C-alpha cells in the first residue's frame, strides 16, 4: 500500500476549471505576508436542495436536502504556513440526528507557486475534474477528503496531485481499506489579448479497495480512469454575451484487479461540451458517448453499470446522453452566493427524458481574531 500511495502522490496534476463553473463551492485558502502570526476564525456553510427526477435503470432518482457547516480556528505561524483545526457538521433534512460530525485538521505550506496540504485537503469540485471522472454530488455525499495534496499554480500550468485515504483497515477488520487519488492537470498553450484561450487538460483518477490484514475473503479491486482533450474559450466584447467555449475529452476506464468482478474490464467515452456565458445565465450543452465505461467516483449517469436499487445487475454497454445545463450564480453579498441549476437530459439510446434541478447557498468568511506577538 505504501507503493500505491506513492504513485498517487508523485503523479502531479491540476485543478483547471472543468466543464462547470463551480467556484461558488471553493473554499479560499489565503496565505499572504500580512497573515504572519494572525489568529482567525473561518466559517463555511452550504445549504443545498438537489432533486434528481430520474427514471432510468442506471442511476436512481433521489433528493438531497440539508445543510453543511464548517468552523475552523486558523493560525499562521508565518506567512508561508497555515494551521487549521475545527469541526464539520452536516444535517440532512428529514432525519432527527446529524448525518455527519467530523473533526477538521489541516496543515498548509505555500512557497511561491507551490502548495502542500496535509490532513483535510481541498477536495471534490476543487480538483477540477469532468463529471464522468468525478461526481459533482460528492460535494453533498462525501464532502470531506483526508490525505495529502500538492498544488502548483503558474501562468501556464495548473497541477493538483492528491491522495484521499477513505477507510483505514486494522488487524482482523471485517472490511477492506479504501483509497482514492489522482491528478487533474491543464497546460495553457495559448492566451492572447483578443480573448482567446486554448488549454490541454489531462486527468487521472484511481481507486483501490483491498488490504492484507482483514478477515474477509474479498479480492483486491483497482480501477483507473483517464481523460484528455482540448479546451477552447473566447471572451466576447459584449455585456450580454461574455464568452463562448468548446471542450472535448476522450476518456478511458481500466480494471487492473487480479480478480474481475465488474461486467466490463475496460471502457471508453467521448465527452463534448459547448457553452455560452451570458449576463442572464450560463448555458451549456454536453454530449456523452460511453462504451463499457465505469468510474467508481465518477458521475453515475455516465456509467455502463447500474447503481440502482431496483436493477442492481443491469448493464448498458453503450450510453449516449445529451444534457442541457442552465446555470446561474447570484452574488448576494461579498461572501454569499446563491446558485441555481436546471439540467434536463435526453437518453438517446432509450429515448427517454430525465431532469434535475438544484438550489445552493454558499457562505465563506474569515474573521480576524487577533495578531499574536513573537517572543523575543
Protein backbone atom coordinates (compact mmCIF):
# COMPACT_ATOMS: atom_id res chain seq x y z
CA UNK A 1 0.00 0.00 0.00
CA UNK A 2 2.96 2.36 0.51
CA UNK A 3 3.86 1.93 -3.17
CA UNK A 4 0.26 2.54 -4.27
CA UNK A 5 0.07 5.73 -2.21
CA UNK A 6 3.41 6.95 -3.52
CA UNK A 7 2.29 6.50 -7.12
CA UNK A 8 -0.72 8.72 -6.50
CA UNK A 9 1.21 11.38 -4.65
CA UNK A 10 4.03 11.70 -7.16
CA UNK A 11 1.66 11.96 -10.13
CA UNK A 12 1.32 15.76 -10.47
CA UNK A 13 -1.96 17.27 -11.54
CA UNK A 14 -4.01 20.47 -11.79
CA UNK A 15 -7.32 21.98 -10.81
CA UNK A 16 -8.09 23.82 -14.01
CA UNK A 17 -11.78 24.61 -14.17
CA UNK A 18 -13.64 21.83 -15.96
CA UNK A 19 -16.94 21.98 -17.82
CA UNK A 20 -18.89 23.58 -14.97
CA UNK A 21 -18.17 26.80 -13.11
CA UNK A 22 -18.12 25.50 -9.54
CA UNK A 23 -16.18 28.38 -7.99
CA UNK A 24 -19.02 29.19 -5.61
CA UNK A 25 -18.17 25.87 -3.86
CA UNK A 26 -14.46 26.66 -3.46
CA UNK A 27 -13.09 27.39 0.00
CA UNK A 28 -10.46 30.15 -0.16
CA UNK A 29 -7.09 29.50 1.49
CA UNK A 30 -5.30 32.85 1.75
CA UNK A 31 -1.60 32.91 2.60
CA UNK A 32 -0.21 36.44 2.48
CA UNK A 33 2.70 38.23 4.22
CA UNK A 34 0.28 40.19 6.41
CA UNK A 35 -1.14 36.90 7.77
CA UNK A 36 2.01 36.25 9.84
CA UNK A 37 1.08 35.47 13.49
CA UNK A 38 -2.61 36.08 12.89
CA UNK A 39 -5.33 34.06 14.57
CA UNK A 40 -8.53 33.85 12.51
CA UNK A 41 -11.92 32.17 12.54
CA UNK A 42 -13.18 30.75 9.26
CA UNK A 43 -16.86 29.89 8.79
CA UNK A 44 -18.11 27.97 5.75
CA UNK A 45 -21.70 26.96 5.17
CA UNK A 46 -23.69 25.30 2.39
CA UNK A 47 -27.46 25.00 2.23
CA UNK A 48 -28.49 22.64 -0.56
CA UNK A 49 -31.52 21.20 -2.31
CA UNK A 50 -30.93 18.96 -5.33
CA UNK A 51 -33.73 16.89 -6.85
CA UNK A 52 -32.88 14.21 -9.42
CA UNK A 53 -36.05 13.24 -11.27
CA UNK A 54 -34.51 10.14 -12.89
CA UNK A 55 -36.46 7.10 -14.07
CA UNK A 56 -33.75 5.07 -15.77
CA UNK A 57 -32.03 1.78 -14.89
CA UNK A 58 -28.55 3.26 -14.41
CA UNK A 59 -28.99 5.98 -11.78
CA UNK A 60 -31.77 6.25 -9.20
CA UNK A 61 -33.86 9.36 -8.77
CA UNK A 62 -33.14 10.89 -5.37
CA UNK A 63 -33.28 14.15 -3.42
CA UNK A 64 -30.55 15.86 -1.40
CA UNK A 65 -31.81 18.43 1.09
CA UNK A 66 -29.83 19.77 4.02
CA UNK A 67 -27.13 21.99 5.50
CA UNK A 68 -23.36 21.82 5.99
CA UNK A 69 -21.42 23.94 8.47
CA UNK A 70 -17.65 24.03 8.99
CA UNK A 71 -15.93 26.25 11.54
CA UNK A 72 -12.15 26.41 11.76
CA UNK A 73 -9.68 28.17 14.02
CA UNK A 74 -6.82 29.29 11.78
CA UNK A 75 -3.30 30.19 12.94
CA UNK A 76 -0.43 31.46 10.77
CA UNK A 77 2.97 30.59 12.36
CA UNK A 78 4.49 32.51 9.44
CA UNK A 79 3.36 33.95 6.14
CA UNK A 80 4.02 30.55 4.49
CA UNK A 81 2.24 28.29 7.00
CA UNK A 82 -1.46 27.93 7.76
CA UNK A 83 -2.70 25.61 10.52
CA UNK A 84 -6.41 24.80 10.84
CA UNK A 85 -8.49 22.93 13.41
CA UNK A 86 -12.26 22.77 13.59
CA UNK A 87 -15.41 20.72 13.19
CA UNK A 88 -17.66 19.83 10.26
CA UNK A 89 -21.40 19.22 10.67
CA UNK A 90 -23.98 18.05 8.15
CA UNK A 91 -27.71 17.81 8.78
CA UNK A 92 -29.82 16.09 6.13
CA UNK A 93 -33.39 17.29 6.39
CA UNK A 94 -35.98 14.66 7.21
CA UNK A 95 -33.76 12.97 9.81
CA UNK A 96 -33.61 13.69 13.54
CA UNK A 97 -29.86 13.45 14.07
CA UNK A 98 -26.82 14.97 12.43
CA UNK A 99 -25.74 12.86 9.47
CA UNK A 100 -22.06 13.72 9.77
CA UNK A 101 -19.90 15.09 12.60
CA UNK A 102 -16.17 15.14 11.86
CA UNK A 103 -13.09 16.93 13.23
CA UNK A 104 -11.05 19.03 10.81
CA UNK A 105 -7.24 19.31 10.84
CA UNK A 106 -5.14 20.79 8.04
CA UNK A 107 -1.53 21.96 7.76
CA UNK A 108 -0.72 24.04 4.68
CA UNK A 109 2.69 25.18 3.42
CA UNK A 110 2.98 27.54 0.48
CA UNK A 111 6.13 28.72 -1.25
CA UNK A 112 5.68 30.72 -4.44
CA UNK A 113 3.53 28.67 -6.85
CA UNK A 114 3.85 25.51 -4.71
CA UNK A 115 1.35 24.45 -2.06
CA UNK A 116 1.34 21.33 0.14
CA UNK A 117 -1.67 20.27 2.23
CA UNK A 118 -1.72 17.57 4.91
CA UNK A 119 -4.94 16.45 6.62
CA UNK A 120 -8.24 17.67 5.22
CA UNK A 121 -7.42 18.58 1.63
CA UNK A 122 -9.20 20.77 -0.92
CA UNK A 123 -11.42 18.11 -2.42
CA UNK A 124 -14.39 17.26 -4.65
CA UNK A 125 -15.11 20.03 -7.22
CA UNK A 126 -11.94 21.94 -6.31
CA UNK A 127 -9.90 19.25 -8.08
CA UNK A 128 -11.43 20.42 -11.38
CA UNK A 129 -12.45 17.09 -12.94
CA UNK A 130 -15.04 16.49 -15.62
CA UNK A 131 -18.15 14.77 -14.26
CA UNK A 132 -17.61 11.33 -15.87
CA UNK A 133 -14.43 11.02 -13.75
CA UNK A 134 -15.59 12.79 -10.57
CA UNK A 135 -19.19 13.14 -9.45
CA UNK A 136 -20.31 16.65 -8.51
CA UNK A 137 -22.71 15.14 -5.95
CA UNK A 138 -19.75 14.13 -3.77
CA UNK A 139 -20.00 17.72 -2.50
CA UNK A 140 -23.19 16.55 -0.79
CA UNK A 141 -22.45 12.87 -0.10
CA UNK A 142 -18.68 12.83 0.57
CA UNK A 143 -17.80 16.42 1.44
CA UNK A 144 -14.51 15.68 3.23
CA UNK A 145 -11.28 14.24 1.82
CA UNK A 146 -8.38 13.36 4.11
CA UNK A 147 -4.84 12.72 2.98
CA UNK A 148 -2.13 14.62 1.11
CA UNK A 149 -2.30 17.14 -1.71
CA UNK A 150 0.25 19.03 -3.79
CA UNK A 151 -0.78 22.00 -5.92
CA UNK A 152 1.20 24.03 -8.44
CA UNK A 153 -0.23 27.17 -9.99
CA UNK A 154 1.63 29.19 -12.63
CA UNK A 155 0.52 31.28 -15.57
CA UNK A 156 0.80 28.34 -17.94
CA UNK A 157 0.33 25.23 -15.80
CA UNK A 158 -2.04 24.18 -13.03
CA UNK A 159 -1.33 20.98 -11.11
CA UNK A 160 -3.12 19.08 -8.35
CA UNK A 161 -1.89 15.71 -7.07
CA UNK A 162 -3.86 14.17 -4.22
CA UNK A 163 -4.49 11.10 -2.09
CA UNK A 164 -7.73 10.59 -0.18
CA UNK A 165 -7.46 7.82 2.44
CA UNK A 166 -11.13 6.90 2.67
CA UNK A 167 -11.14 3.92 5.01
CA UNK A 168 -8.44 2.71 7.38
CA UNK A 169 -8.08 -1.02 7.98
CA UNK A 170 -6.82 -2.62 11.19
CA UNK A 171 -5.76 -6.16 12.12
CA UNK A 172 -8.71 -8.56 11.93
CA UNK A 173 -11.01 -5.95 10.37
CA UNK A 174 -14.11 -7.35 8.71
CA UNK A 175 -13.86 -4.79 5.91
CA UNK A 176 -11.35 -3.69 3.28
CA UNK A 177 -9.34 -0.49 3.26
CA UNK A 178 -10.19 2.08 0.57
CA UNK A 179 -8.03 4.76 -1.02
CA UNK A 180 -8.60 7.11 -3.94
CA UNK A 181 -6.37 9.64 -5.61
CA UNK A 182 -5.26 11.10 -8.87
CA UNK A 183 -4.43 14.18 -10.82
CA UNK A 184 -6.12 16.87 -12.87
CA UNK A 185 -3.70 18.90 -14.98
CA UNK A 186 -4.04 21.61 -17.57
CA UNK A 187 -1.47 23.47 -19.67
CA UNK A 188 -2.38 26.77 -21.29
CA UNK A 189 -0.88 26.72 -24.79
CA UNK A 190 -2.42 30.00 -25.99
CA UNK A 191 -3.82 33.06 -24.23
CA UNK A 192 -3.82 36.35 -26.11
CA UNK A 193 -5.12 39.91 -25.85
CA UNK A 194 -8.04 39.14 -28.19
CA UNK A 195 -9.62 36.90 -25.57
CA UNK A 196 -8.65 33.52 -27.00
CA UNK A 197 -7.55 30.75 -24.65
CA UNK A 198 -6.55 27.21 -25.57
CA UNK A 199 -5.87 24.63 -22.87
CA UNK A 200 -4.79 20.99 -22.95
CA UNK A 201 -6.14 19.04 -19.94
CA UNK A 202 -5.06 15.66 -18.66
CA UNK A 203 -6.94 13.95 -15.83
CA UNK A 204 -6.47 10.70 -13.94
CA UNK A 205 -8.21 9.02 -11.02
CA UNK A 206 -7.50 5.76 -9.26
CA UNK A 207 -9.46 3.79 -6.71
CA UNK A 208 -8.27 0.79 -4.69
CA UNK A 209 -10.11 -1.48 -2.28
CA UNK A 210 -8.14 -4.23 -0.52
CA UNK A 211 -5.65 -4.78 2.29
CA UNK A 212 -3.85 -7.76 3.79
CA UNK A 213 -4.91 -7.79 7.45
CA UNK A 214 -8.68 -8.25 7.23
CA UNK A 215 -10.67 -11.41 7.92
CA UNK A 216 -12.89 -11.45 4.83
CA UNK A 217 -12.35 -13.33 1.58
CA UNK A 218 -12.84 -10.48 -0.88
CA UNK A 219 -10.47 -9.89 -3.81
CA UNK A 220 -8.46 -6.70 -4.27
CA UNK A 221 -10.04 -4.16 -6.63
CA UNK A 222 -8.11 -1.48 -8.51
CA UNK A 223 -9.68 0.84 -11.09
CA UNK A 224 -8.11 3.60 -13.18
CA UNK A 225 -9.75 6.34 -15.24
CA UNK A 226 -8.11 8.76 -17.65
CA UNK A 227 -9.27 11.71 -19.71
CA UNK A 228 -7.58 14.14 -22.06
CA UNK A 229 -8.62 16.56 -24.75
CA UNK A 230 -8.77 20.20 -25.74
CA UNK A 231 -10.46 23.30 -24.31
CA UNK A 232 -11.13 26.44 -26.34
CA UNK A 233 -12.58 29.66 -24.91
CA UNK A 234 -13.18 33.09 -26.44
CA UNK A 235 -14.14 36.19 -24.49
CA UNK A 236 -16.76 38.29 -26.25
CA UNK A 237 -16.87 42.13 -26.33
CA UNK A 238 -20.47 42.30 -25.16
CA UNK A 239 -22.31 43.00 -21.91
CA UNK A 240 -24.90 40.34 -22.73
CA UNK A 241 -22.69 37.59 -24.21
CA UNK A 242 -19.49 37.32 -22.19
CA UNK A 243 -17.75 34.25 -23.60
CA UNK A 244 -18.18 31.11 -25.66
CA UNK A 245 -16.37 27.82 -25.07
CA UNK A 246 -15.94 24.39 -26.66
CA UNK A 247 -14.38 21.36 -24.97
CA UNK A 248 -13.74 17.78 -25.99
CA UNK A 249 -12.42 14.84 -23.94
CA UNK A 250 -11.63 11.20 -24.65
CA UNK A 251 -11.96 9.07 -21.51
CA UNK A 252 -10.85 5.55 -20.60
CA UNK A 253 -11.66 3.03 -17.88
CA UNK A 254 -9.24 0.20 -16.96
CA UNK A 255 -9.83 -2.55 -14.42
CA UNK A 256 -6.40 -3.59 -13.06
CA UNK A 257 -7.81 -6.01 -10.50
CA UNK A 258 -6.42 -9.54 -10.32
CA UNK A 259 -9.97 -10.84 -9.96
CA UNK A 260 -12.55 -9.21 -12.21
CA UNK A 261 -15.91 -8.53 -10.57
CA UNK A 262 -17.39 -5.97 -12.97
CA UNK A 263 -19.23 -6.62 -16.21
CA UNK A 264 -16.55 -4.71 -18.17
CA UNK A 265 -12.80 -4.74 -17.65
CA UNK A 266 -12.16 -1.70 -19.86
CA UNK A 267 -14.21 1.01 -21.48
CA UNK A 268 -14.11 4.33 -23.29
CA UNK A 269 -16.07 7.53 -23.57
CA UNK A 270 -16.37 10.71 -25.59
CA UNK A 271 -17.40 13.85 -23.71
CA UNK A 272 -18.15 17.08 -25.61
CA UNK A 273 -19.23 20.44 -24.23
CA UNK A 274 -20.31 23.73 -25.75
CA UNK A 275 -21.05 26.71 -23.53
CA UNK A 276 -22.26 30.29 -23.73
CA UNK A 277 -21.76 32.58 -20.75
CA UNK A 278 -24.30 35.40 -20.72
CA UNK A 279 -25.29 38.12 -18.27
CA UNK A 280 -28.57 36.28 -17.64
CA UNK A 281 -27.23 32.73 -17.19
CA UNK A 282 -24.61 30.22 -18.22
CA UNK A 283 -25.86 27.83 -20.91
CA UNK A 284 -24.16 24.54 -21.75
CA UNK A 285 -24.88 21.57 -23.96
CA UNK A 286 -23.00 18.33 -23.26
CA UNK A 287 -22.82 15.11 -25.25
CA UNK A 288 -21.68 11.80 -23.78
CA UNK A 289 -20.99 8.57 -25.66
CA UNK A 290 -19.82 5.72 -23.45
CA UNK A 291 -18.73 2.19 -24.29
CA UNK A 292 -18.39 -0.06 -21.22
CA UNK A 293 -17.32 2.95 -19.15
CA UNK A 294 -17.19 2.91 -15.36
CA UNK A 295 -15.74 5.24 -12.74
CA UNK A 296 -16.17 4.37 -9.03
CA UNK A 297 -16.06 8.05 -8.01
CA UNK A 298 -17.46 9.49 -11.25
CA UNK A 299 -20.97 10.60 -12.14
CA UNK A 300 -23.33 7.64 -12.04
CA UNK A 301 -25.25 8.75 -15.16
CA UNK A 302 -22.17 8.17 -17.31
CA UNK A 303 -21.58 4.57 -16.21
CA UNK A 304 -22.48 1.46 -18.17
CA UNK A 305 -23.10 -0.39 -14.89
CA UNK A 306 -26.21 0.26 -12.82
CA UNK A 307 -26.13 1.71 -9.32
CA UNK A 308 -29.89 1.49 -8.82
CA UNK A 309 -31.81 -0.25 -6.05
CA UNK A 310 -34.35 -1.87 -8.36
CA UNK A 311 -31.94 -3.02 -11.13
CA UNK A 312 -28.50 -3.52 -9.50
CA UNK A 313 -27.34 -6.10 -12.09
CA UNK A 314 -28.39 -4.09 -15.13
CA UNK A 315 -25.70 -3.08 -17.65
CA UNK A 316 -25.79 -0.93 -20.73
CA UNK A 317 -22.58 -1.09 -22.76
CA UNK A 318 -23.41 1.88 -24.95
CA UNK A 319 -24.59 5.03 -23.20
CA UNK A 320 -25.49 8.09 -25.25
CA UNK A 321 -26.71 11.24 -23.49
CA UNK A 322 -27.50 14.82 -24.47
CA UNK A 323 -27.53 17.20 -21.49
CA UNK A 324 -28.64 20.82 -21.32
CA UNK A 325 -27.44 22.90 -18.39
CA UNK A 326 -28.86 26.27 -17.34
CA UNK A 327 -26.73 27.70 -14.52
CA UNK A 328 -26.72 30.99 -12.66
CA UNK A 329 -24.77 32.35 -9.68
CA UNK A 330 -26.19 35.32 -7.77
CA UNK A 331 -23.69 37.28 -5.66
CA UNK A 332 -25.95 38.26 -2.75
CA UNK A 333 -23.07 39.67 -0.68
CA UNK A 334 -19.27 39.63 -0.72
CA UNK A 335 -19.12 36.11 0.70
CA UNK A 336 -22.61 34.82 -0.06
CA UNK A 337 -23.51 33.16 -3.38
CA UNK A 338 -26.84 31.67 -4.44
CA UNK A 339 -26.54 29.11 -7.27
CA UNK A 340 -29.42 27.75 -9.35
CA UNK A 341 -29.12 24.82 -11.75
CA UNK A 342 -31.57 23.16 -14.13
CA UNK A 343 -30.26 20.14 -16.07
CA UNK A 344 -32.62 18.21 -18.36
CA UNK A 345 -31.10 15.27 -20.24
CA UNK A 346 -32.16 13.10 -23.15
CA UNK A 347 -31.10 9.44 -23.26
CA UNK A 348 -30.64 8.80 -26.98
CA UNK A 349 -30.32 5.05 -26.57
CA UNK A 350 -33.50 4.60 -24.54
CA UNK A 351 -35.33 7.63 -25.98
CA UNK A 352 -36.23 8.94 -22.53
CA UNK A 353 -36.05 12.29 -20.75
CA UNK A 354 -34.87 12.88 -17.18
CA UNK A 355 -34.00 16.10 -15.39
CA UNK A 356 -32.64 17.59 -12.20
CA UNK A 357 -32.84 20.99 -10.57
CA UNK A 358 -30.91 22.40 -7.65
CA UNK A 359 -30.52 25.38 -5.35
CA UNK A 360 -27.33 26.07 -3.37
CA UNK A 361 -26.40 28.84 -0.94
CA UNK A 362 -22.66 29.09 -0.22
CA UNK A 363 -21.14 31.25 2.52
CA UNK A 364 -17.40 31.65 3.21
CA UNK A 365 -15.94 34.22 5.59
CA UNK A 366 -12.79 34.67 7.67
CA UNK A 367 -12.77 36.84 10.78
CA UNK A 368 -9.55 38.24 12.27
CA UNK A 369 -9.48 37.49 15.99
CA UNK A 370 -6.06 38.81 16.99
CA UNK A 371 -2.41 39.09 15.98
CA UNK A 372 -0.06 37.30 18.37
CA UNK A 373 3.29 38.65 19.44
CA UNK A 374 6.53 36.77 18.93
CA UNK A 375 8.73 36.01 21.93
CA UNK A 376 11.95 37.99 21.78
